[in-house]
Amino acid sequence: MLPIKTPGWRWLLISGVVIFILFAILPMVVSSRWVYGPLVERLKAENFHLSVGAVKLHWLSPIRMEQISI
């Protein structure tokens, strides 16, 4: 392995790793309650009852919603 001598390459490598990690955890963030919760609450305001227990989102699988009642 070649040593990284210039600080520019080091920052580029670190920022690339950080961007990759953020991209990898994006489905977990999007499927959290604070993202889909306001959408469910907006439907309640329009006299439509909808409750969702959990949403599971992964990169290579379909969206799964559990404990749905309409």
PDB file of N, CA and C in Angstrom:
ATOM      1  N   MET A   1       0.841  -1.177   0.000  1.00  0.00           N
ATOM      2  CA  MET A   1       0.000   0.000   0.000  1.00  0.00           C
ATOM      3  C   MET A   1       0.890   1.246   0.000  1.00  0.00           C
ATOM      4  N   LEU A   2       0.567   2.195  -0.847  1.00  0.00           N
ATOM      5  CA  LEU A   2       1.346   3.419  -0.939  1.00  0.00           C
ATOM      6  C   LEU A   2       0.961   4.376   0.171  1.00  0.00           C
ATOM      7  N   PRO A   3       1.933   4.994   0.808  1.00  0.00           N
ATOM      8  CA  PRO A   3       1.599   5.955   1.864  1.00  0.00           C
ATOM      9  C   PRO A   3       1.000   7.225   1.266  1.00  0.00           C
ATOM     10  N   ILE A   4       0.060   7.794   1.975  1.00  0.00           N
ATOM     11  CA  ILE A   4      -0.568   9.044   1.551  1.00  0.00           C
ATOM     12  C   ILE A   4       0.229  10.178   2.169  1.00  0.00           C
ATOM     13  N   LYS A   5       0.927  10.934   1.325  1.00  0.00           N
ATOM     14  CA  LYS A   5       1.840  11.948   1.833  1.00  0.00           C
ATOM     15  C   LYS A   5       1.256  13.354   1.815  1.00  0.00           C
ATOM     16  N   THR A   6       0.404  13.641   0.864  1.00  0.00           N
ATOM     17  CA  THR A   6      -0.107  15.008   0.772  1.00  0.00           C
ATOM     18  C   THR A   6      -1.404  15.139   1.563  1.00  0.00           C
ATOM     19  N   PRO A   7      -1.595  16.260   2.248  1.00  0.00           N
ATOM     20  CA  PRO A   7      -2.809  16.447   3.036  1.00  0.00           C
ATOM     21  C   PRO A   7      -4.070  16.506   2.168  1.00  0.00           C
ATOM     22  N   GLY A   8      -3.933  16.944   0.920  1.00  0.00           N
ATOM     23  CA  GLY A   8      -5.085  17.007   0.027  1.00  0.00           C
ATOM     24  C   GLY A   8      -5.687  15.638  -0.229  1.00  0.00           C
ATOM     25  N   TRP A   9      -4.840  14.651  -0.456  1.00  0.00           N
ATOM     26  CA  TRP A   9      -5.326  13.290  -0.669  1.00  0.00           C
ATOM     27  C   TRP A   9      -5.964  12.718   0.590  1.00  0.00           C
ATOM     28  N   ARG A  10      -5.387  13.064   1.718  1.00  0.00           N
ATOM     29  CA  ARG A  10      -5.929  12.565   2.982  1.00  0.00           C
ATOM     30  C   ARG A  10      -7.341  13.104   3.211  1.00  0.00           C
ATOM     31  N   TRP A  11      -7.538  14.400   2.970  1.00  0.00           N
ATOM     32  CA  TRP A  11      -8.876  14.979   3.138  1.00  0.00           C
ATOM     33  C   TRP A  11      -9.856  14.433   2.112  1.00  0.00           C
ATOM     34  N   LEU A  12      -9.397  14.187   0.912  1.00  0.00           N
ATOM     35  CA  LEU A  12     -10.251  13.602  -0.112  1.00  0.00           C
ATOM     36  C   LEU A  12     -10.686  12.192   0.283  1.00  0.00           C
ATOM     37  N   LEU A  13      -9.758  11.417   0.814  1.00  0.00           N
ATOM     38  CA  LEU A  13     -10.076  10.062   1.257  1.00  0.00           C
ATOM     39  C   LEU A  13     -11.059  10.082   2.433  1.00  0.00           C
ATOM     40  N   ILE A  14     -10.813  10.943   3.398  1.00  0.00           N
ATOM     41  CA  ILE A  14     -11.702  11.035   4.567  1.00  0.00           C
ATOM     42  C   ILE A  14     -13.090  11.489   4.150  1.00  0.00           C
ATOM     43  N   SER A  15     -13.171  12.490   3.288  1.00  0.00           N
ATOM     44  CA  SER A  15     -14.489  12.967   2.860  1.00  0.00           C
ATOM     45  C   SER A  15     -15.209  11.913   2.028  1.00  0.00           C
ATOM     46  N   GLY A  16     -14.470  11.138   1.236  1.00  0.00           N
ATOM     47  CA  GLY A  16     -15.091  10.047   0.480  1.00  0.00           C
ATOM     48  C   GLY A  16     -15.676   8.977   1.385  1.00  0.00           C
ATOM     49  N   VAL A  17     -14.955   8.633   2.439  1.00  0.00           N
ATOM     50  CA  VAL A  17     -15.444   7.636   3.392  1.00  0.00           C
ATOM     51  C   VAL A  17     -16.680   8.155   4.122  1.00  0.00           C
ATOM     52  N   VAL A  18     -16.668   9.420   4.520  1.00  0.00           N
ATOM     53  CA  VAL A  18     -17.823  10.007   5.212  1.00  0.00           C
ATOM     54  C   VAL A  18     -19.042  10.036   4.294  1.00  0.00           C
ATOM     55  N   ILE A  19     -18.861  10.402   3.038  1.00  0.00           N
ATOM     56  CA  ILE A  19     -19.973  10.423   2.082  1.00  0.00           C
ATOM     57  C   ILE A  19     -20.513   9.017   1.863  1.00  0.00           C
ATOM     58  N   PHE A  20     -19.630   8.030   1.778  1.00  0.00           N
ATOM     59  CA  PHE A  20     -20.076   6.643   1.614  1.00  0.00           C
ATOM     60  C   PHE A  20     -20.892   6.177   2.809  1.00  0.00           C
ATOM     61  N   ILE A  21     -20.449   6.496   4.009  1.00  0.00           N
ATOM     62  CA  ILE A  21     -21.182   6.097   5.216  1.00  0.00           C
ATOM     63  C   ILE A  21     -22.547   6.776   5.263  1.00  0.00           C
ATOM     64  N   LEU A  22     -22.612   8.061   4.948  1.00  0.00           N
ATOM     65  CA  LEU A  22     -23.899   8.761   4.935  1.00  0.00           C
ATOM     66  C   LEU A  22     -24.837   8.173   3.883  1.00  0.00           C
ATOM     67  N   PHE A  23     -24.303   7.816   2.726  1.00  0.00           N
ATOM     68  CA  PHE A  23     -25.106   7.201   1.678  1.00  0.00           C
ATOM     69  C   PHE A  23     -25.598   5.821   2.106  1.00  0.00           C
ATOM     70  N   ALA A  24     -24.777   5.083   2.854  1.00  0.00           N
ATOM     71  CA  ALA A  24     -25.149   3.737   3.292  1.00  0.00           C
ATOM     72  C   ALA A  24     -26.258   3.767   4.335  1.00  0.00           C
ATOM     73  N   ILE A  25     -26.273   4.785   5.221  1.00  0.00           N
ATOM     74  CA  ILE A  25     -27.297   4.827   6.266  1.00  0.00           C
ATOM     75  C   ILE A  25     -28.532   5.626   5.843  1.00  0.00           C
ATOM     76  N   LEU A  26     -28.566   6.119   4.621  1.00  0.00           N
ATOM     77  CA  LEU A  26     -29.700   6.897   4.148  1.00  0.00           C
ATOM     78  C   LEU A  26     -31.040   6.159   4.259  1.00  0.00           C
ATOM     79  N   PRO A  27     -31.157   4.868   3.891  1.00  0.00           N
ATOM     80  CA  PRO A  27     -32.446   4.182   4.060  1.00  0.00           C
ATOM     81  C   PRO A  27     -32.908   4.126   5.516  1.00  0.00           C
ATOM     82  N   MET A  28     -31.975   3.969   6.447  1.00  0.00           N
ATOM     83  CA  MET A  28     -32.357   3.925   7.853  1.00  0.00           C
ATOM     84  C   MET A  28     -32.909   5.278   8.301  1.00  0.00           C
ATOM     85  N   VAL A  29     -32.317   6.353   7.823  1.00  0.00           N
ATOM     86  CA  VAL A  29     -32.779   7.690   8.195  1.00  0.00           C
ATOM     87  C   VAL A  29     -34.149   7.971   7.577  1.00  0.00           C
ATOM     88  N   VAL A  30     -34.328   7.616   6.313  1.00  0.00           N
ATOM     89  CA  VAL A  30     -35.596   7.882   5.632  1.00  0.00           C
ATOM     90  C   VAL A  30     -36.727   7.053   6.218  1.00  0.00           C
ATOM     91  N   SER A  31     -36.443   5.843   6.669  1.00  0.00           N
ATOM     92  CA  SER A  31     -37.500   5.001   7.219  1.00  0.00           C
ATOM     93  C   SER A  31     -37.743   5.243   8.701  1.00  0.00           C
ATOM     94  N   SER A  32     -37.128   6.257   9.270  1.00  0.00           N
ATOM     95  CA  SER A  32     -37.366   6.548  10.685  1.00  0.00           C
ATOM     96  C   SER A  32     -38.706   7.271  10.860  1.00  0.00           C
ATOM     97  N   ARG A  33     -39.209   7.233  12.058  1.00  0.00           N
ATOM     98  CA  ARG A  33     -40.541   7.776  12.360  1.00  0.00           C
ATOM     99  C   ARG A  33     -40.621   9.282  12.120  1.00  0.00           C
ATOM    100  N   TRP A  34     -39.560  10.035  12.339  1.00  0.00           N
ATOM    101  CA  TRP A  34     -39.634  11.481  12.197  1.00  0.00           C
ATOM    102  C   TRP A  34     -39.689  11.919  10.741  1.00  0.00           C
ATOM    103  N   VAL A  35     -39.449  11.002   9.793  1.00  0.00           N
ATOM    104  CA  VAL A  35     -39.580  11.342   8.376  1.00  0.00           C
ATOM    105  C   VAL A  35     -40.986  11.032   7.877  1.00  0.00           C
ATOM    106  N   TYR A  36     -41.497   9.819   8.129  1.00  0.00           N
ATOM    107  CA  TYR A  36     -42.822   9.480   7.621  1.00  0.00           C
ATOM    108  C   TYR A  36     -43.936   9.878   8.583  1.00  0.00           C
ATOM    109  N   GLY A  37     -43.614  10.243   9.805  1.00  0.00           N
ATOM    110  CA  GLY A  37     -44.627  10.666  10.781  1.00  0.00           C
ATOM    111  C   GLY A  37     -45.429  11.880  10.350  1.00  0.00           C
ATOM    112  N   PRO A  38     -44.793  12.954   9.871  1.00  0.00           N
ATOM    113  CA  PRO A  38     -45.570  14.116   9.420  1.00  0.00           C
ATOM    114  C   PRO A  38     -46.523  13.810   8.267  1.00  0.00           C
ATOM    115  N   LEU A  39     -46.167  12.863   7.399  1.00  0.00           N
ATOM    116  CA  LEU A  39     -47.080  12.481   6.318  1.00  0.00           C
ATOM    117  C   LEU A  39     -48.323  11.802   6.864  1.00  0.00           C
ATOM    118  N   VAL A  40     -48.143  10.943   7.847  1.00  0.00           N
ATOM    119  CA  VAL A  40     -49.282  10.271   8.470  1.00  0.00           C
ATOM    120  C   VAL A  40     -50.143  11.292   9.225  1.00  0.00           C
ATOM    121  N   GLU A  41     -49.519  12.227   9.911  1.00  0.00           N
ATOM    122  CA  GLU A  41     -50.257  13.252  10.649  1.00  0.00           C
ATOM    123  C   GLU A  41     -51.039  14.162   9.709  1.00  0.00           C
ATOM    124  N   ARG A  42     -50.515  14.444   8.549  1.00  0.00           N
ATOM    125  CA  ARG A  42     -51.231  15.282   7.579  1.00  0.00           C
ATOM    126  C   ARG A  42     -52.502  14.593   7.091  1.00  0.00           C
ATOM    127  N   LEU A  43     -52.442  13.267   6.928  1.00  0.00           N
ATOM    128  CA  LEU A  43     -53.639  12.533   6.532  1.00  0.00           C
ATOM    129  C   LEU A  43     -54.686  12.559   7.642  1.00  0.00           C
ATOM    130  N   LYS A  44     -54.256  12.541   8.905  1.00  0.00           N
ATOM    131  CA  LYS A  44     -55.206  12.627  10.016  1.00  0.00           C
ATOM    132  C   LYS A  44     -55.932  13.965  10.008  1.00  0.00           C
ATOM    133  N   ALA A  45     -55.261  15.022   9.597  1.00  0.00           N
ATOM    134  CA  ALA A  45     -55.872  16.342   9.570  1.00  0.00           C
ATOM    135  C   ALA A  45     -56.971  16.422   8.520  1.00  0.00           C
ATOM    136  N   GLU A  46     -56.952  15.567   7.534  1.00  0.00           N
ATOM    137  CA  GLU A  46     -57.959  15.577   6.477  1.00  0.00           C
ATOM    138  C   GLU A  46     -59.049  14.531   6.726  1.00  0.00           C
ATOM    139  N   ASN A  47     -59.310  14.189   7.986  1.00  0.00           N
ATOM    140  CA  ASN A  47     -60.335  13.220   8.390  1.00  0.00           C
ATOM    141  C   ASN A  47     -60.121  11.835   7.773  1.00  0.00           C
ATOM    142  N   PHE A  48     -58.889  11.445   7.688  1.00  0.00           N
ATOM    143  CA  PHE A  48     -58.534  10.129   7.179  1.00  0.00           C
ATOM    144  C   PHE A  48     -57.656   9.482   8.225  1.00  0.00           C
ATOM    145  N   HIS A  49     -58.088   8.352   8.764  1.00  0.00           N
ATOM    146  CA  HIS A  49     -57.324   7.701   9.827  1.00  0.00           C
ATOM    147  C   HIS A  49     -56.357   6.684   9.225  1.00  0.00           C
ATOM    148  N   LEU A  50     -55.098   6.860   9.503  1.00  0.00           N
ATOM    149  CA  LEU A  50     -54.062   5.937   9.060  1.00  0.00           C
ATOM    150  C   LEU A  50     -53.018   5.844  10.155  1.00  0.00           C
ATOM    151  N   SER A  51     -52.671   4.632  10.542  1.00  0.00           N
ATOM    152  CA  SER A  51     -51.574   4.454  11.492  1.00  0.00           C
ATOM    153  C   SER A  51     -50.624   3.391  10.949  1.00  0.00           C
ATOM    154  N   VAL A  52     -49.354   3.658  11.089  1.00  0.00           N
ATOM    155  CA  VAL A  52     -48.306   2.761  10.600  1.00  0.00           C
ATOM    156  C   VAL A  52     -47.403   2.430  11.775  1.00  0.00           C
ATOM    157  N   GLY A  53     -47.219   1.146  12.032  1.00  0.00           N
ATOM    158  CA  GLY A  53     -46.375   0.729  13.138  1.00  0.00           C
ATOM    159  C   GLY A  53     -44.895   0.899  12.850  1.00  0.00           C
ATOM    160  N   ALA A  54     -44.445   0.451  11.688  1.00  0.00           N
ATOM    161  CA  ALA A  54     -43.024   0.538  11.344  1.00  0.00           C
ATOM    162  C   ALA A  54     -42.858   0.506   9.835  1.00  0.00           C
ATOM    163  N   VAL A  55     -41.814   1.173   9.381  1.00  0.00           N
ATOM    164  CA  VAL A  55     -41.437   1.155   7.967  1.00  0.00           C
ATOM    165  C   VAL A  55     -39.998   0.677   7.892  1.00  0.00           C
ATOM    166  N   LYS A  56     -39.744  -0.297   7.022  1.00  0.00           N
ATOM    167  CA  LYS A  56     -38.392  -0.813   6.839  1.00  0.00           C
ATOM    168  C   LYS A  56     -37.990  -0.599   5.391  1.00  0.00           C
ATOM    169  N   LEU A  57     -36.889   0.098   5.219  1.00  0.00           N
ATOM    170  CA  LEU A  57     -36.409   0.446   3.892  1.00  0.00           C
ATOM    171  C   LEU A  57     -34.944   0.040   3.786  1.00  0.00           C
ATOM    172  N   HIS A  58     -34.618  -0.691   2.729  1.00  0.00           N
ATOM    173  CA  HIS A  58     -33.245  -1.120   2.465  1.00  0.00           C
ATOM    174  C   HIS A  58     -32.934  -0.821   1.011  1.00  0.00           C
ATOM    175  N   TRP A  59     -31.662  -0.776   0.664  1.00  0.00           N
ATOM    176  CA  TRP A  59     -31.273  -0.439  -0.691  1.00  0.00           C
ATOM    177  C   TRP A  59     -31.723  -1.474  -1.704  1.00  0.00           C
ATOM    178  N   LEU A  60     -31.590  -2.739  -1.405  1.00  0.00           N
ATOM    179  CA  LEU A  60     -31.853  -3.776  -2.407  1.00  0.00           C
ATOM    180  C   LEU A  60     -33.081  -4.623  -2.106  1.00  0.00           C
ATOM    181  N   SER A  61     -34.019  -4.093  -1.352  1.00  0.00           N
ATOM    182  CA  SER A  61     -35.241  -4.831  -1.063  1.00  0.00           C
ATOM    183  C   SER A  61     -36.427  -3.875  -1.104  1.00  0.00           C
ATOM    184  N   PRO A  62     -37.628  -4.405  -1.223  1.00  0.00           N
ATOM    185  CA  PRO A  62     -38.800  -3.528  -1.274  1.00  0.00           C
ATOM    186  C   PRO A  62     -39.093  -2.874   0.075  1.00  0.00           C
ATOM    187  N   ILE A  63     -39.899  -1.847   0.038  1.00  0.00           N
ATOM    188  CA  ILE A  63     -40.313  -1.159   1.263  1.00  0.00           C
ATOM    189  C   ILE A  63     -41.291  -2.057   2.010  1.00  0.00           C
ATOM    190  N   ARG A  64     -41.090  -2.207   3.314  1.00  0.00           N
ATOM    191  CA  ARG A  64     -41.994  -3.009   4.144  1.00  0.00           C
ATOM    192  C   ARG A  64     -42.639  -2.107   5.173  1.00  0.00           C
ATOM    193  N   MET A  65     -43.961  -2.163   5.263  1.00  0.00           N
ATOM    194  CA  MET A  65     -44.702  -1.417   6.279  1.00  0.00           C
ATOM    195  C   MET A  65     -45.434  -2.432   7.145  1.00  0.00           C
ATOM    196  N   GLU A  66     -45.341  -2.248   8.452  1.00  0.00           N
ATOM    197  CA  GLU A  66     -45.943  -3.185   9.388  1.00  0.00           C
ATOM    198  C   GLU A  66     -46.986  -2.479  10.246  1.00  0.00           C
ATOM    199  N   GLN A  67     -47.949  -3.237  10.701  1.00  0.00           N
ATOM    200  CA  GLN A  67     -49.005  -2.775  11.607  1.00  0.00           C
ATOM    201  C   GLN A  67     -49.731  -1.544  11.038  1.00  0.00           C
ATOM    202  N   ILE A  68     -50.301  -1.726   9.849  1.00  0.00           N
ATOM    203  CA  ILE A  68     -51.029  -0.649   9.178  1.00  0.00           C
ATOM    204  C   ILE A  68     -52.510  -0.803   9.487  1.00  0.00           C
ATOM    205  N   SER A  69     -53.133   0.305   9.862  1.00  0.00           N
ATOM    206  CA  SER A  69     -54.587   0.315  10.013  1.00  0.00           C
ATOM    207  C   SER A  69     -55.139   1.559   9.322  1.00  0.00           C
ATOM    208  N   ILE A  70     -56.193   1.343   8.550  1.00  0.00           N
ATOM    209  CA  ILE A  70     -56.825   2.450   7.806  1.00  0.00           C
ATOM    210  C   ILE A  70     -58.258   2.582   8.283  1.00  0.00           C
TER     211      ILE A  70
END
